[in-house]
Amino acid sequence: MLGNLSPDFKKRKRRRRPVATVFFRFSHRDKDGVALKNKEQSTIIELIKKDVESRMKLVQDGLDEIEETKELDFSNMMQSTQSEESKDSAEIRPKSKYENYSSTTYIPYYDVIKKVKTELKDDEFELVNTEELTESNQVGDFKDEEFKKQKEPEKRPVTMPKCESHPRFMPICNGESTIMTDTQIMVIARLLPPLFRMREWIKVFSIDEDGISLQTFYKNAKGYYNNLLFVEDIKGHKFGAYLC
């Protein structure tokens, strides 16, 4: 916990006086209890350092000798196994022209398809006549096989239930509209936000009931944040707006 010292604590601290003073002294001494001088101490340190270095050197030399012995045994074992494998392979496998290559691996045979059809375009490709290849360069002949297409499963007609493109939803209206029909209201409801669509619709203003005063219209519409305005002109054209 952090905080400032209180004034009372500072006063009590000033009143206190030390009772005793204790001094600690450290010195290097030999087995007889005689104090060692600095020169004698440095001599002892040098002797200990040389002894430790000599011991570490002996241990490292022993480890190096063990590693060299292991490597020598492993190399001898690998040489013997390689010589045995080379003898066995020489007896079984005939000599090949690829043995003179510098690479350690080679592929003496290739899988070649007899009939290869290539098209020449602007002398960029060369036509390869594989029929002239000898049988020794081919491991196996590839025969043309006819693959029969699997019969497709019979498609059964799926009867889908008839449904409308949009679900029918009629919002709860507190008051019947004299301009819009129920079908028109359902169409408009699909275009509104879901939160506003699911709420109860309250008829705030109507010319047939409230008159044509704009002051009455503003007074009735005050306090409503989401409003639908439906208007029908003299010619019977209907239009509206969503106000929020």
C-alpha atoms as a PDB file:
ATOM      1  CA  MET A   1       0.000   0.000   0.000  1.00  0.00           C
ATOM      2  CA  LEU A   2       1.415   3.380  -0.961  1.00  0.00           C
ATOM      3  CA  GLY A   3       0.860   6.515   1.043  1.00  0.00           C
ATOM      4  CA  ASN A   4       2.515   9.392   2.915  1.00  0.00           C
ATOM      5  CA  LEU A   5       3.856   9.002   6.453  1.00  0.00           C
ATOM      6  CA  SER A   6       1.728  10.530   9.157  1.00  0.00           C
ATOM      7  CA  PRO A   7       3.142  13.422  11.262  1.00  0.00           C
ATOM      8  CA  ASP A   8       2.833  11.344  14.471  1.00  0.00           C
ATOM      9  CA  PHE A   9       5.045   8.648  13.028  1.00  0.00           C
ATOM     10  CA  LYS A  10       7.706  11.194  12.106  1.00  0.00           C
ATOM     11  CA  LYS A  11       7.659  12.620  15.636  1.00  0.00           C
ATOM     12  CA  ARG A  12       8.044   9.189  17.245  1.00  0.00           C
ATOM     13  CA  LYS A  13      10.879   8.423  14.870  1.00  0.00           C
ATOM     14  CA  ARG A  14      12.797  11.528  15.948  1.00  0.00           C
ATOM     15  CA  ARG A  15      12.387  10.673  19.647  1.00  0.00           C
ATOM     16  CA  ARG A  16      13.946   7.225  19.293  1.00  0.00           C
ATOM     17  CA  ARG A  17      17.663   6.851  19.929  1.00  0.00           C
ATOM     18  CA  PRO A  18      19.895   3.845  19.052  1.00  0.00           C
ATOM     19  CA  VAL A  19      20.619   1.613  22.049  1.00  0.00           C
ATOM     20  CA  ALA A  20      23.827   0.018  20.674  1.00  0.00           C
ATOM     21  CA  THR A  21      25.947  -0.043  17.531  1.00  0.00           C
ATOM     22  CA  VAL A  22      27.041  -3.455  16.161  1.00  0.00           C
ATOM     23  CA  PHE A  23      29.989  -3.812  13.795  1.00  0.00           C
ATOM     24  CA  PHE A  24      30.612  -6.937  11.658  1.00  0.00           C
ATOM     25  CA  ARG A  25      34.140  -7.775  10.564  1.00  0.00           C
ATOM     26  CA  PHE A  26      35.029 -10.440   8.002  1.00  0.00           C
ATOM     27  CA  SER A  27      38.550 -11.840   7.587  1.00  0.00           C
ATOM     28  CA  HIS A  28      40.285 -14.770   5.882  1.00  0.00           C
ATOM     29  CA  ARG A  29      42.255 -17.069   8.204  1.00  0.00           C
ATOM     30  CA  ASP A  30      44.143 -20.322   7.853  1.00  0.00           C
ATOM     31  CA  LYS A  31      43.482 -23.561   9.725  1.00  0.00           C
ATOM     32  CA  ASP A  32      45.507 -22.313  12.716  1.00  0.00           C
ATOM     33  CA  GLY A  33      43.445 -19.114  12.977  1.00  0.00           C
ATOM     34  CA  VAL A  34      46.154 -16.799  11.670  1.00  0.00           C
ATOM     35  CA  ALA A  35      44.911 -13.981   9.435  1.00  0.00           C
ATOM     36  CA  LEU A  36      45.945 -14.277   5.795  1.00  0.00           C
ATOM     37  CA  LYS A  37      47.489 -11.376   3.955  1.00  0.00           C
ATOM     38  CA  ASN A  38      46.309 -10.210   0.548  1.00  0.00           C
ATOM     39  CA  LYS A  39      49.303 -11.760  -1.216  1.00  0.00           C
ATOM     40  CA  GLU A  40      48.714 -15.121   0.435  1.00  0.00           C
ATOM     41  CA  GLN A  41      45.025 -14.982  -0.498  1.00  0.00           C
ATOM     42  CA  SER A  42      45.826 -14.277  -4.162  1.00  0.00           C
ATOM     43  CA  THR A  43      48.325 -17.174  -4.222  1.00  0.00           C
ATOM     44  CA  ILE A  44      45.692 -19.576  -2.883  1.00  0.00           C
ATOM     45  CA  ILE A  45      43.178 -18.375  -5.489  1.00  0.00           C
ATOM     46  CA  GLU A  46      45.663 -18.937  -8.328  1.00  0.00           C
ATOM     47  CA  LEU A  47      46.418 -22.472  -7.111  1.00  0.00           C
ATOM     48  CA  ILE A  48      42.716 -23.327  -6.914  1.00  0.00           C
ATOM     49  CA  LYS A  49      42.119 -21.864 -10.387  1.00  0.00           C
ATOM     50  CA  LYS A  50      44.956 -23.898 -11.940  1.00  0.00           C
ATOM     51  CA  ASP A  51      43.706 -27.079 -10.269  1.00  0.00           C
ATOM     52  CA  VAL A  52      40.169 -26.538 -11.580  1.00  0.00           C
ATOM     53  CA  GLU A  53      41.439 -25.817 -15.116  1.00  0.00           C
ATOM     54  CA  SER A  54      43.593 -28.959 -15.140  1.00  0.00           C
ATOM     55  CA  ARG A  55      40.685 -31.093 -13.981  1.00  0.00           C
ATOM     56  CA  MET A  56      38.378 -29.614 -16.629  1.00  0.00           C
ATOM     57  CA  LYS A  57      40.995 -30.239 -19.311  1.00  0.00           C
ATOM     58  CA  LEU A  58      41.327 -33.890 -18.303  1.00  0.00           C
ATOM     59  CA  VAL A  59      37.562 -34.332 -18.442  1.00  0.00           C
ATOM     60  CA  GLN A  60      37.320 -32.657 -21.869  1.00  0.00           C
ATOM     61  CA  ASP A  61      40.181 -34.761 -23.269  1.00  0.00           C
ATOM     62  CA  GLY A  62      38.440 -37.901 -22.052  1.00  0.00           C
ATOM     63  CA  LEU A  63      35.174 -36.887 -23.708  1.00  0.00           C
ATOM     64  CA  ASP A  64      36.937 -36.055 -26.994  1.00  0.00           C
ATOM     65  CA  GLU A  65      38.676 -39.418 -26.952  1.00  0.00           C
ATOM     66  CA  ILE A  66      35.373 -41.213 -26.406  1.00  0.00           C
ATOM     67  CA  GLU A  67      33.735 -39.292 -29.281  1.00  0.00           C
ATOM     68  CA  GLU A  68      36.645 -40.065 -31.620  1.00  0.00           C
ATOM     69  CA  THR A  69      36.394 -43.747 -30.735  1.00  0.00           C
ATOM     70  CA  LYS A  70      32.668 -43.768 -31.446  1.00  0.00           C
ATOM     71  CA  GLU A  71      33.112 -41.973 -34.777  1.00  0.00           C
ATOM     72  CA  LEU A  72      35.885 -44.356 -35.810  1.00  0.00           C
ATOM     73  CA  ASP A  73      33.803 -47.407 -34.940  1.00  0.00           C
ATOM     74  CA  PHE A  74      30.804 -45.991 -36.801  1.00  0.00           C
ATOM     75  CA  SER A  75      32.837 -45.148 -39.912  1.00  0.00           C
ATOM     76  CA  ASN A  76      34.401 -48.626 -39.937  1.00  0.00           C
ATOM     77  CA  MET A  77      30.977 -50.203 -39.601  1.00  0.00           C
ATOM     78  CA  MET A  78      29.566 -48.088 -42.445  1.00  0.00           C
ATOM     79  CA  GLN A  79      32.506 -48.919 -44.704  1.00  0.00           C
ATOM     80  CA  SER A  80      32.104 -52.618 -44.045  1.00  0.00           C
ATOM     81  CA  THR A  81      28.369 -52.533 -44.740  1.00  0.00           C
ATOM     82  CA  GLN A  82      28.881 -50.501 -47.919  1.00  0.00           C
ATOM     83  CA  SER A  83      31.530 -52.887 -49.159  1.00  0.00           C
ATOM     84  CA  GLU A  84      29.245 -55.863 -48.500  1.00  0.00           C
ATOM     85  CA  GLU A  85      26.324 -54.166 -50.265  1.00  0.00           C
ATOM     86  CA  SER A  86      28.492 -53.240 -53.244  1.00  0.00           C
ATOM     87  CA  LYS A  87      29.655 -56.855 -53.555  1.00  0.00           C
ATOM     88  CA  ASP A  88      26.102 -58.175 -53.412  1.00  0.00           C
ATOM     89  CA  SER A  89      24.837 -55.606 -55.919  1.00  0.00           C
ATOM     90  CA  ALA A  90      27.737 -56.281 -58.276  1.00  0.00           C
ATOM     91  CA  GLU A  91      26.913 -59.973 -58.268  1.00  0.00           C
ATOM     92  CA  ILE A  92      23.178 -59.421 -58.853  1.00  0.00           C
ATOM     93  CA  ARG A  93      22.956 -56.250 -60.975  1.00  0.00           C
ATOM     94  CA  PRO A  94      24.710 -56.027 -64.345  1.00  0.00           C
ATOM     95  CA  LYS A  95      26.830 -53.038 -65.173  1.00  0.00           C
ATOM     96  CA  SER A  96      25.082 -49.997 -66.589  1.00  0.00           C
ATOM     97  CA  LYS A  97      26.276 -46.993 -68.522  1.00  0.00           C
ATOM     98  CA  TYR A  98      24.932 -44.731 -65.775  1.00  0.00           C
ATOM     99  CA  GLU A  99      27.519 -45.918 -63.271  1.00  0.00           C
ATOM    100  CA  ASN A 100      30.081 -43.498 -64.694  1.00  0.00           C
ATOM    101  CA  TYR A 101      27.921 -40.509 -63.751  1.00  0.00           C
ATOM    102  CA  SER A 102      28.899 -38.383 -60.784  1.00  0.00           C
ATOM    103  CA  SER A 103      25.415 -38.614 -59.269  1.00  0.00           C
ATOM    104  CA  THR A 104      24.935 -41.296 -56.639  1.00  0.00           C
ATOM    105  CA  THR A 105      21.457 -42.150 -57.921  1.00  0.00           C
ATOM    106  CA  TYR A 106      20.298 -42.910 -61.443  1.00  0.00           C
ATOM    107  CA  ILE A 107      17.253 -44.327 -63.219  1.00  0.00           C
ATOM    108  CA  PRO A 108      18.193 -46.840 -65.918  1.00  0.00           C
ATOM    109  CA  TYR A 109      14.619 -47.448 -67.151  1.00  0.00           C
ATOM    110  CA  TYR A 110      11.629 -45.283 -67.931  1.00  0.00           C
ATOM    111  CA  ASP A 111       7.917 -45.904 -68.272  1.00  0.00           C
ATOM    112  CA  VAL A 112       7.059 -44.877 -71.811  1.00  0.00           C
ATOM    113  CA  ILE A 113       3.667 -44.864 -73.488  1.00  0.00           C
ATOM    114  CA  LYS A 114       3.900 -46.207 -77.038  1.00  0.00           C
ATOM    115  CA  LYS A 115       1.394 -43.956 -78.726  1.00  0.00           C
ATOM    116  CA  VAL A 116       1.945 -40.287 -78.051  1.00  0.00           C
ATOM    117  CA  LYS A 117       0.208 -37.661 -80.148  1.00  0.00           C
ATOM    118  CA  THR A 118       1.636 -34.177 -80.063  1.00  0.00           C
ATOM    119  CA  GLU A 119       0.787 -31.120 -82.100  1.00  0.00           C
ATOM    120  CA  LEU A 120       3.361 -28.799 -83.609  1.00  0.00           C
ATOM    121  CA  LYS A 121       2.802 -25.089 -83.105  1.00  0.00           C
ATOM    122  CA  ASP A 122       5.278 -22.656 -84.677  1.00  0.00           C
ATOM    123  CA  ASP A 123       8.063 -25.274 -84.473  1.00  0.00           C
ATOM    124  CA  GLU A 124       8.139 -25.015 -80.699  1.00  0.00           C
ATOM    125  CA  PHE A 125       7.609 -28.717 -80.058  1.00  0.00           C
ATOM    126  CA  GLU A 126       9.110 -31.807 -81.669  1.00  0.00           C
ATOM    127  CA  LEU A 127       7.106 -34.877 -82.549  1.00  0.00           C
ATOM    128  CA  VAL A 128       8.273 -37.885 -80.538  1.00  0.00           C
ATOM    129  CA  ASN A 129       7.857 -41.244 -82.247  1.00  0.00           C
ATOM    130  CA  THR A 130       7.853 -43.657 -79.347  1.00  0.00           C
ATOM    131  CA  GLU A 131       7.087 -46.664 -81.549  1.00  0.00           C
ATOM    132  CA  GLU A 132      10.767 -46.735 -82.595  1.00  0.00           C
ATOM    133  CA  LEU A 133      11.910 -47.161 -78.987  1.00  0.00           C
ATOM    134  CA  THR A 134      13.312 -50.548 -78.140  1.00  0.00           C
ATOM    135  CA  GLU A 135      11.659 -52.863 -75.684  1.00  0.00           C
ATOM    136  CA  SER A 136      14.656 -52.609 -73.335  1.00  0.00           C
ATOM    137  CA  ASN A 137      13.778 -48.997 -72.575  1.00  0.00           C
ATOM    138  CA  GLN A 138      10.255 -49.864 -71.543  1.00  0.00           C
ATOM    139  CA  VAL A 139       9.175 -51.541 -68.372  1.00  0.00           C
ATOM    140  CA  GLY A 140       5.620 -52.277 -69.449  1.00  0.00           C
ATOM    141  CA  ASP A 141       3.185 -51.527 -72.234  1.00  0.00           C
ATOM    142  CA  PHE A 142       0.189 -49.387 -71.479  1.00  0.00           C
ATOM    143  CA  LYS A 143      -2.949 -50.719 -73.074  1.00  0.00           C
ATOM    144  CA  ASP A 144      -5.901 -48.533 -73.878  1.00  0.00           C
ATOM    145  CA  GLU A 145      -8.811 -49.477 -71.723  1.00  0.00           C
ATOM    146  CA  GLU A 146     -12.353 -48.384 -72.201  1.00  0.00           C
ATOM    147  CA  PHE A 147     -13.944 -47.014 -69.085  1.00  0.00           C
ATOM    148  CA  LYS A 148     -17.671 -47.331 -68.974  1.00  0.00           C
ATOM    149  CA  LYS A 149     -19.454 -44.532 -67.309  1.00  0.00           C
ATOM    150  CA  GLN A 150     -21.394 -45.487 -64.281  1.00  0.00           C
ATOM    151  CA  LYS A 151     -25.094 -45.286 -64.683  1.00  0.00           C
ATOM    152  CA  GLU A 152     -26.490 -42.228 -63.043  1.00  0.00           C
ATOM    153  CA  PRO A 153     -29.085 -42.923 -60.385  1.00  0.00           C
ATOM    154  CA  GLU A 154     -32.624 -42.448 -61.481  1.00  0.00           C
ATOM    155  CA  LYS A 155     -33.830 -38.986 -60.665  1.00  0.00           C
ATOM    156  CA  ARG A 156     -37.093 -39.103 -58.823  1.00  0.00           C
ATOM    157  CA  PRO A 157     -39.388 -36.132 -59.118  1.00  0.00           C
ATOM    158  CA  VAL A 158     -39.370 -34.081 -55.965  1.00  0.00           C
ATOM    159  CA  THR A 159     -42.646 -32.466 -55.082  1.00  0.00           C
ATOM    160  CA  MET A 160     -42.140 -29.173 -53.335  1.00  0.00           C
ATOM    161  CA  PRO A 161     -44.987 -27.690 -51.349  1.00  0.00           C
ATOM    162  CA  LYS A 162     -46.431 -24.624 -52.905  1.00  0.00           C
ATOM    163  CA  CYS A 163     -45.552 -21.526 -50.958  1.00  0.00           C
ATOM    164  CA  GLU A 164     -45.648 -17.826 -51.523  1.00  0.00           C
ATOM    165  CA  SER A 165     -42.531 -15.857 -52.372  1.00  0.00           C
ATOM    166  CA  HIS A 166     -42.875 -13.971 -49.081  1.00  0.00           C
ATOM    167  CA  PRO A 167     -44.548 -15.057 -45.865  1.00  0.00           C
ATOM    168  CA  ARG A 168     -47.854 -13.450 -45.072  1.00  0.00           C
ATOM    169  CA  PHE A 169     -47.570 -11.158 -42.074  1.00  0.00           C
ATOM    170  CA  MET A 170     -50.178  -8.669 -41.003  1.00  0.00           C
ATOM    171  CA  PRO A 171     -49.019  -6.254 -38.300  1.00  0.00           C
ATOM    172  CA  ILE A 172     -51.271  -5.346 -35.412  1.00  0.00           C
ATOM    173  CA  CYS A 173     -52.920  -2.036 -36.279  1.00  0.00           C
ATOM    174  CA  ASN A 174     -54.630   0.088 -33.633  1.00  0.00           C
ATOM    175  CA  GLY A 175     -57.097   1.736 -35.963  1.00  0.00           C
ATOM    176  CA  GLU A 176     -58.191   0.976 -39.506  1.00  0.00           C
ATOM    177  CA  SER A 177     -56.611   2.926 -42.354  1.00  0.00           C
ATOM    178  CA  THR A 178     -58.974   4.652 -44.783  1.00  0.00           C
ATOM    179  CA  ILE A 179     -56.303   4.801 -47.526  1.00  0.00           C
ATOM    180  CA  MET A 180     -54.348   1.517 -47.433  1.00  0.00           C
ATOM    181  CA  THR A 181     -55.817  -1.964 -47.739  1.00  0.00           C
ATOM    182  CA  ASP A 182     -54.660  -4.986 -45.734  1.00  0.00           C
ATOM    183  CA  THR A 183     -52.796  -6.400 -48.764  1.00  0.00           C
ATOM    184  CA  GLN A 184     -50.925  -3.139 -49.299  1.00  0.00           C
ATOM    185  CA  ILE A 185     -50.029  -2.963 -45.607  1.00  0.00           C
ATOM    186  CA  MET A 186     -48.584  -6.512 -45.711  1.00  0.00           C
ATOM    187  CA  VAL A 187     -46.440  -5.611 -48.741  1.00  0.00           C
ATOM    188  CA  ILE A 188     -45.115  -2.485 -47.021  1.00  0.00           C
ATOM    189  CA  ALA A 189     -44.450  -4.390 -43.765  1.00  0.00           C
ATOM    190  CA  ARG A 190     -41.999  -6.701 -45.567  1.00  0.00           C
ATOM    191  CA  LEU A 191     -39.838  -3.677 -46.464  1.00  0.00           C
ATOM    192  CA  LEU A 192     -39.614  -2.286 -42.922  1.00  0.00           C
ATOM    193  CA  PRO A 193     -37.030  -3.114 -40.221  1.00  0.00           C
ATOM    194  CA  PRO A 194     -38.028  -6.244 -38.253  1.00  0.00           C
ATOM    195  CA  LEU A 195     -38.056  -4.437 -34.905  1.00  0.00           C
ATOM    196  CA  PHE A 196     -40.495  -1.829 -36.172  1.00  0.00           C
ATOM    197  CA  ARG A 197     -42.517  -4.342 -38.150  1.00  0.00           C
ATOM    198  CA  MET A 198     -43.348  -6.482 -35.094  1.00  0.00           C
ATOM    199  CA  ARG A 199     -44.555  -3.595 -32.963  1.00  0.00           C
ATOM    200  CA  GLU A 200     -48.153  -2.412 -32.720  1.00  0.00           C
ATOM    201  CA  TRP A 201     -49.041   0.186 -35.325  1.00  0.00           C
ATOM    202  CA  ILE A 202     -50.950   3.175 -33.941  1.00  0.00           C
ATOM    203  CA  LYS A 203     -52.909   5.505 -36.198  1.00  0.00           C
ATOM    204  CA  VAL A 204     -51.758   8.958 -35.119  1.00  0.00           C
ATOM    205  CA  PHE A 205     -53.422  11.259 -37.631  1.00  0.00           C
ATOM    206  CA  SER A 206     -56.163  10.971 -40.233  1.00  0.00           C
ATOM    207  CA  ILE A 207     -57.809  13.758 -42.238  1.00  0.00           C
ATOM    208  CA  ASP A 208     -61.209  12.080 -41.916  1.00  0.00           C
ATOM    209  CA  GLU A 209     -60.970  12.120 -38.111  1.00  0.00           C
ATOM    210  CA  ASP A 210     -58.536  14.953 -37.196  1.00  0.00           C
ATOM    211  CA  GLY A 211     -59.112  17.455 -40.009  1.00  0.00           C
ATOM    212  CA  ILE A 212     -56.607  19.199 -42.241  1.00  0.00           C
ATOM    213  CA  SER A 213     -54.786  21.332 -39.646  1.00  0.00           C
ATOM    214  CA  LEU A 214     -50.992  20.994 -39.798  1.00  0.00           C
ATOM    215  CA  GLN A 215     -50.723  22.071 -36.164  1.00  0.00           C
ATOM    216  CA  THR A 216     -52.851  19.099 -35.153  1.00  0.00           C
ATOM    217  CA  PHE A 217     -50.712  16.847 -37.339  1.00  0.00           C
ATOM    218  CA  TYR A 218     -47.455  18.050 -35.703  1.00  0.00           C
ATOM    219  CA  LYS A 219     -48.989  17.770 -32.237  1.00  0.00           C
ATOM    220  CA  ASN A 220     -50.192  14.195 -32.755  1.00  0.00           C
ATOM    221  CA  ALA A 221     -46.951  13.047 -34.418  1.00  0.00           C
ATOM    222  CA  LYS A 222     -44.751  14.551 -31.681  1.00  0.00           C
ATOM    223  CA  GLY A 223     -42.918  11.940 -29.598  1.00  0.00           C
ATOM    224  CA  TYR A 224     -43.004   9.171 -32.201  1.00  0.00           C
ATOM    225  CA  TYR A 225     -39.568   8.282 -33.621  1.00  0.00           C
ATOM    226  CA  ASN A 226     -40.680   5.780 -36.295  1.00  0.00           C
ATOM    227  CA  ASN A 227     -43.535   6.931 -38.496  1.00  0.00           C
ATOM    228  CA  LEU A 228     -45.240   5.824 -41.689  1.00  0.00           C
ATOM    229  CA  LEU A 229     -46.816   8.548 -43.795  1.00  0.00           C
ATOM    230  CA  PHE A 230     -49.485   7.506 -46.337  1.00  0.00           C
ATOM    231  CA  VAL A 231     -50.878  10.111 -48.749  1.00  0.00           C
ATOM    232  CA  GLU A 232     -53.571   9.813 -51.415  1.00  0.00           C
ATOM    233  CA  ASP A 233     -53.977  12.650 -53.898  1.00  0.00           C
ATOM    234  CA  ILE A 234     -57.114  13.791 -55.715  1.00  0.00           C
ATOM    235  CA  LYS A 235     -56.471  11.442 -58.644  1.00  0.00           C
ATOM    236  CA  GLY A 236     -56.273   8.412 -56.325  1.00  0.00           C
ATOM    237  CA  HIS A 237     -52.481   7.977 -56.521  1.00  0.00           C
ATOM    238  CA  LYS A 238     -51.036   6.639 -53.275  1.00  0.00           C
ATOM    239  CA  PHE A 239     -47.503   7.262 -52.015  1.00  0.00           C
ATOM    240  CA  GLY A 240     -45.772   7.516 -48.692  1.00  0.00           C
ATOM    241  CA  ALA A 241     -42.550   7.614 -46.693  1.00  0.00           C
ATOM    242  CA  TYR A 242     -40.832   5.975 -43.718  1.00  0.00           C
ATOM    243  CA  LEU A 243     -39.700   8.599 -41.193  1.00  0.00           C
ATOM    244  CA  CYS A 244     -37.355   7.872 -38.306  1.00  0.00           C
END
